[in-house]
């Protein structure tokens, strides 16, 4: 697996410190939102000429490492049926 740190940076003065692709203002969050919405990697590369395939893969790796499913806590409020 590639080292995502070659492609991802966080600077409090850029995008409020959100993780982003180095030397761009393209947030990792934006890349993942686009992919989740059905945008293909090829479409992202066309839309953002400064973006590379490796940077997209780095964004995915970053999220996979830092936001594993087990790190999220699902809070479910119990539902009470009113039988009256």
N, C-alpha and C. Protein backbone atom coordinates (compact mmCIF):
# COMPACT_ATOMS: atom_id res chain seq x y z
N UNK A 1 0.85 -1.18 0.00
CA UNK A 1 0.00 0.00 0.00
C UNK A 1 0.90 1.24 0.00
N UNK A 2 0.51 2.22 -0.78
CA UNK A 2 1.28 3.45 -0.86
C UNK A 2 1.18 4.25 0.44
N UNK A 3 2.13 5.13 0.62
CA UNK A 3 2.11 6.00 1.79
C UNK A 3 1.27 7.23 1.46
N UNK A 4 0.07 7.31 2.04
CA UNK A 4 -0.84 8.41 1.73
C UNK A 4 -0.26 9.76 2.11
N UNK A 5 0.69 9.79 3.05
CA UNK A 5 1.24 11.06 3.53
C UNK A 5 1.98 11.83 2.45
N UNK A 6 2.34 11.16 1.37
CA UNK A 6 2.97 11.86 0.24
C UNK A 6 1.95 12.75 -0.47
N UNK A 7 0.67 12.47 -0.30
CA UNK A 7 -0.39 13.15 -1.04
C UNK A 7 -1.35 13.96 -0.18
N UNK A 8 -1.46 13.64 1.09
CA UNK A 8 -2.46 14.26 1.96
C UNK A 8 -1.78 15.19 2.96
N UNK A 9 -2.37 16.36 3.16
CA UNK A 9 -1.84 17.31 4.13
C UNK A 9 -3.00 17.96 4.88
N UNK A 10 -2.67 18.57 5.99
CA UNK A 10 -3.67 19.31 6.75
C UNK A 10 -3.02 20.59 7.25
N UNK A 11 -3.62 21.73 6.89
CA UNK A 11 -3.09 23.02 7.26
C UNK A 11 -4.25 23.85 7.81
N UNK A 12 -4.15 24.35 9.03
CA UNK A 12 -5.27 25.10 9.61
C UNK A 12 -5.66 26.33 8.80
N UNK A 13 -4.78 26.82 7.94
CA UNK A 13 -5.08 27.98 7.12
C UNK A 13 -5.70 27.64 5.77
N UNK A 14 -5.83 26.36 5.48
CA UNK A 14 -6.41 25.91 4.21
C UNK A 14 -7.56 24.96 4.53
N UNK A 15 -8.73 25.28 4.05
CA UNK A 15 -9.93 24.46 4.25
C UNK A 15 -10.19 24.17 5.73
N UNK A 16 -9.86 25.14 6.58
CA UNK A 16 -10.09 25.00 8.03
C UNK A 16 -9.39 23.78 8.62
N UNK A 17 -8.29 23.36 8.01
CA UNK A 17 -7.52 22.23 8.52
C UNK A 17 -8.01 20.87 8.08
N UNK A 18 -9.02 20.83 7.21
CA UNK A 18 -9.49 19.53 6.73
C UNK A 18 -8.38 18.85 5.93
N UNK A 19 -8.25 17.53 6.03
CA UNK A 19 -7.27 16.83 5.20
C UNK A 19 -7.57 17.08 3.73
N UNK A 20 -6.52 17.40 2.98
CA UNK A 20 -6.68 17.74 1.57
C UNK A 20 -5.50 17.19 0.77
N UNK A 21 -5.68 17.16 -0.54
CA UNK A 21 -4.60 16.76 -1.43
C UNK A 21 -3.56 17.88 -1.43
N UNK A 22 -2.29 17.50 -1.27
CA UNK A 22 -1.21 18.49 -1.22
C UNK A 22 -1.25 19.40 -2.44
N UNK A 23 -0.93 20.66 -2.20
CA UNK A 23 -0.84 21.69 -3.25
C UNK A 23 -2.15 21.93 -3.98
N UNK A 24 -3.27 21.57 -3.35
CA UNK A 24 -4.59 21.86 -3.92
C UNK A 24 -5.50 22.30 -2.78
N UNK A 25 -6.69 22.66 -3.13
CA UNK A 25 -7.74 22.91 -2.13
C UNK A 25 -8.84 21.88 -2.33
N UNK A 26 -8.44 20.67 -2.62
CA UNK A 26 -9.38 19.57 -2.80
C UNK A 26 -9.35 18.72 -1.55
N UNK A 27 -10.44 18.77 -0.79
CA UNK A 27 -10.51 18.04 0.48
C UNK A 27 -10.71 16.54 0.23
N UNK A 28 -10.11 15.75 1.10
CA UNK A 28 -10.32 14.30 1.06
C UNK A 28 -11.81 14.01 1.15
N UNK A 29 -12.49 14.73 2.00
CA UNK A 29 -13.93 14.57 2.19
C UNK A 29 -14.68 14.76 0.86
N UNK A 30 -14.26 15.75 0.07
CA UNK A 30 -14.91 16.02 -1.22
C UNK A 30 -14.70 14.85 -2.19
N UNK A 31 -13.50 14.33 -2.22
CA UNK A 31 -13.21 13.19 -3.11
C UNK A 31 -14.10 12.01 -2.75
N UNK A 32 -14.18 11.71 -1.45
CA UNK A 32 -15.00 10.57 -1.01
C UNK A 32 -16.48 10.81 -1.27
N UNK A 33 -16.95 12.04 -1.07
CA UNK A 33 -18.35 12.37 -1.37
C UNK A 33 -18.65 12.16 -2.84
N UNK A 34 -17.74 12.60 -3.70
CA UNK A 34 -17.93 12.43 -5.14
C UNK A 34 -17.98 10.95 -5.52
N UNK A 35 -17.04 10.18 -4.99
CA UNK A 35 -17.02 8.74 -5.30
C UNK A 35 -18.28 8.05 -4.78
N UNK A 36 -18.70 8.41 -3.58
CA UNK A 36 -19.91 7.82 -3.00
C UNK A 36 -21.14 8.19 -3.81
N UNK A 37 -21.10 9.36 -4.44
CA UNK A 37 -22.23 9.82 -5.25
C UNK A 37 -22.25 9.25 -6.66
N UNK A 38 -21.25 8.42 -6.99
CA UNK A 38 -21.25 7.77 -8.30
C UNK A 38 -20.27 8.34 -9.30
N UNK A 39 -19.56 9.39 -8.93
CA UNK A 39 -18.54 9.94 -9.82
C UNK A 39 -17.40 8.93 -9.93
N UNK A 40 -16.93 8.69 -11.13
CA UNK A 40 -15.84 7.74 -11.33
C UNK A 40 -14.49 8.44 -11.12
N UNK A 41 -13.46 7.65 -10.94
CA UNK A 41 -12.12 8.20 -10.81
C UNK A 41 -11.76 8.97 -12.08
N UNK A 42 -12.11 8.42 -13.22
CA UNK A 42 -11.82 9.09 -14.49
C UNK A 42 -12.51 10.45 -14.57
N UNK A 43 -13.75 10.53 -14.09
CA UNK A 43 -14.46 11.82 -14.10
C UNK A 43 -13.80 12.82 -13.17
N UNK A 44 -13.34 12.36 -12.00
CA UNK A 44 -12.64 13.25 -11.08
C UNK A 44 -11.36 13.78 -11.72
N UNK A 45 -10.64 12.90 -12.40
CA UNK A 45 -9.39 13.32 -13.04
C UNK A 45 -9.64 14.35 -14.14
N UNK A 46 -10.74 14.20 -14.85
CA UNK A 46 -11.10 15.17 -15.88
C UNK A 46 -11.51 16.51 -15.26
N UNK A 47 -12.29 16.44 -14.18
CA UNK A 47 -12.82 17.65 -13.55
C UNK A 47 -11.74 18.43 -12.80
N UNK A 48 -10.76 17.73 -12.25
CA UNK A 48 -9.70 18.36 -11.47
C UNK A 48 -8.34 17.97 -12.06
N UNK A 49 -7.84 18.74 -13.01
CA UNK A 49 -6.59 18.39 -13.70
C UNK A 49 -5.38 18.24 -12.78
N UNK A 50 -5.38 18.90 -11.64
CA UNK A 50 -4.24 18.79 -10.72
C UNK A 50 -4.31 17.52 -9.86
N UNK A 51 -5.40 16.83 -9.92
CA UNK A 51 -5.59 15.61 -9.16
C UNK A 51 -4.99 14.43 -9.93
N UNK A 52 -4.38 13.50 -9.21
CA UNK A 52 -3.82 12.30 -9.84
C UNK A 52 -4.54 11.06 -9.30
N UNK A 53 -4.44 10.00 -10.05
CA UNK A 53 -5.02 8.73 -9.62
C UNK A 53 -4.42 8.31 -8.28
N UNK A 54 -3.11 8.50 -8.13
CA UNK A 54 -2.44 8.12 -6.88
C UNK A 54 -2.97 8.94 -5.71
N UNK A 55 -3.28 10.22 -5.94
CA UNK A 55 -3.82 11.06 -4.88
C UNK A 55 -5.22 10.60 -4.47
N UNK A 56 -6.01 10.17 -5.44
CA UNK A 56 -7.34 9.64 -5.12
C UNK A 56 -7.22 8.37 -4.28
N UNK A 57 -6.31 7.48 -4.69
CA UNK A 57 -6.09 6.26 -3.90
C UNK A 57 -5.57 6.61 -2.51
N UNK A 58 -4.74 7.64 -2.41
CA UNK A 58 -4.23 8.08 -1.10
C UNK A 58 -5.36 8.58 -0.22
N UNK A 59 -6.32 9.31 -0.81
CA UNK A 59 -7.48 9.79 -0.05
C UNK A 59 -8.28 8.63 0.51
N UNK A 60 -8.47 7.60 -0.31
CA UNK A 60 -9.20 6.41 0.14
C UNK A 60 -8.42 5.71 1.26
N UNK A 61 -7.11 5.59 1.09
CA UNK A 61 -6.28 4.95 2.11
C UNK A 61 -6.32 5.74 3.41
N UNK A 62 -6.28 7.06 3.31
CA UNK A 62 -6.33 7.92 4.49
C UNK A 62 -7.60 7.67 5.30
N UNK A 63 -8.72 7.64 4.61
CA UNK A 63 -10.00 7.42 5.29
C UNK A 63 -10.05 6.02 5.87
N UNK A 64 -9.56 5.06 5.13
CA UNK A 64 -9.57 3.68 5.62
C UNK A 64 -8.76 3.53 6.90
N UNK A 65 -7.63 4.20 6.97
CA UNK A 65 -6.76 4.09 8.14
C UNK A 65 -7.28 4.90 9.33
N UNK A 66 -7.76 6.11 9.06
CA UNK A 66 -8.13 7.01 10.15
C UNK A 66 -9.59 6.94 10.56
N UNK A 67 -10.42 6.36 9.74
CA UNK A 67 -11.84 6.32 10.05
C UNK A 67 -12.40 4.91 9.86
N UNK A 68 -11.76 3.96 10.50
CA UNK A 68 -12.24 2.58 10.41
C UNK A 68 -13.62 2.48 11.04
N UNK A 69 -14.47 1.60 10.52
CA UNK A 69 -15.84 1.47 11.05
C UNK A 69 -15.88 1.24 12.55
N UNK A 70 -14.92 0.53 13.10
CA UNK A 70 -14.98 0.26 14.54
C UNK A 70 -14.73 1.51 15.38
N UNK A 71 -14.26 2.59 14.73
CA UNK A 71 -14.01 3.80 15.50
C UNK A 71 -15.25 4.66 15.65
N UNK A 72 -16.33 4.29 14.99
CA UNK A 72 -17.56 5.03 15.10
C UNK A 72 -18.48 4.38 16.12
N UNK A 73 -19.16 5.20 16.87
CA UNK A 73 -20.12 4.70 17.84
C UNK A 73 -21.51 5.03 17.32
N UNK A 74 -22.31 4.04 17.19
CA UNK A 74 -23.67 4.24 16.72
C UNK A 74 -24.57 4.40 17.93
N UNK A 75 -25.23 5.51 17.99
CA UNK A 75 -26.14 5.77 19.11
C UNK A 75 -27.56 5.58 18.62
N UNK A 76 -28.25 4.67 19.23
CA UNK A 76 -29.63 4.39 18.86
C UNK A 76 -30.50 4.62 20.09
N UNK A 77 -31.49 5.45 19.91
CA UNK A 77 -32.42 5.69 21.00
C UNK A 77 -33.48 4.59 20.99
N UNK A 78 -33.73 4.01 22.13
CA UNK A 78 -34.76 2.98 22.17
C UNK A 78 -36.12 3.59 21.87
N UNK A 79 -36.90 2.87 21.12
CA UNK A 79 -38.25 3.32 20.81
C UNK A 79 -39.21 2.65 21.77
N UNK A 80 -40.14 3.43 22.28
CA UNK A 80 -41.15 2.90 23.18
C UNK A 80 -42.49 2.94 22.49
N UNK A 81 -43.10 1.80 22.42
CA UNK A 81 -44.43 1.75 21.81
C UNK A 81 -45.46 2.13 22.86
N UNK A 82 -46.33 3.03 22.49
CA UNK A 82 -47.44 3.38 23.38
C UNK A 82 -48.59 2.46 23.05
N UNK A 83 -48.86 1.57 23.93
CA UNK A 83 -49.93 0.61 23.70
C UNK A 83 -51.26 1.09 24.24
N UNK A 84 -51.29 2.28 24.78
CA UNK A 84 -52.53 2.80 25.36
C UNK A 84 -53.37 3.46 24.31
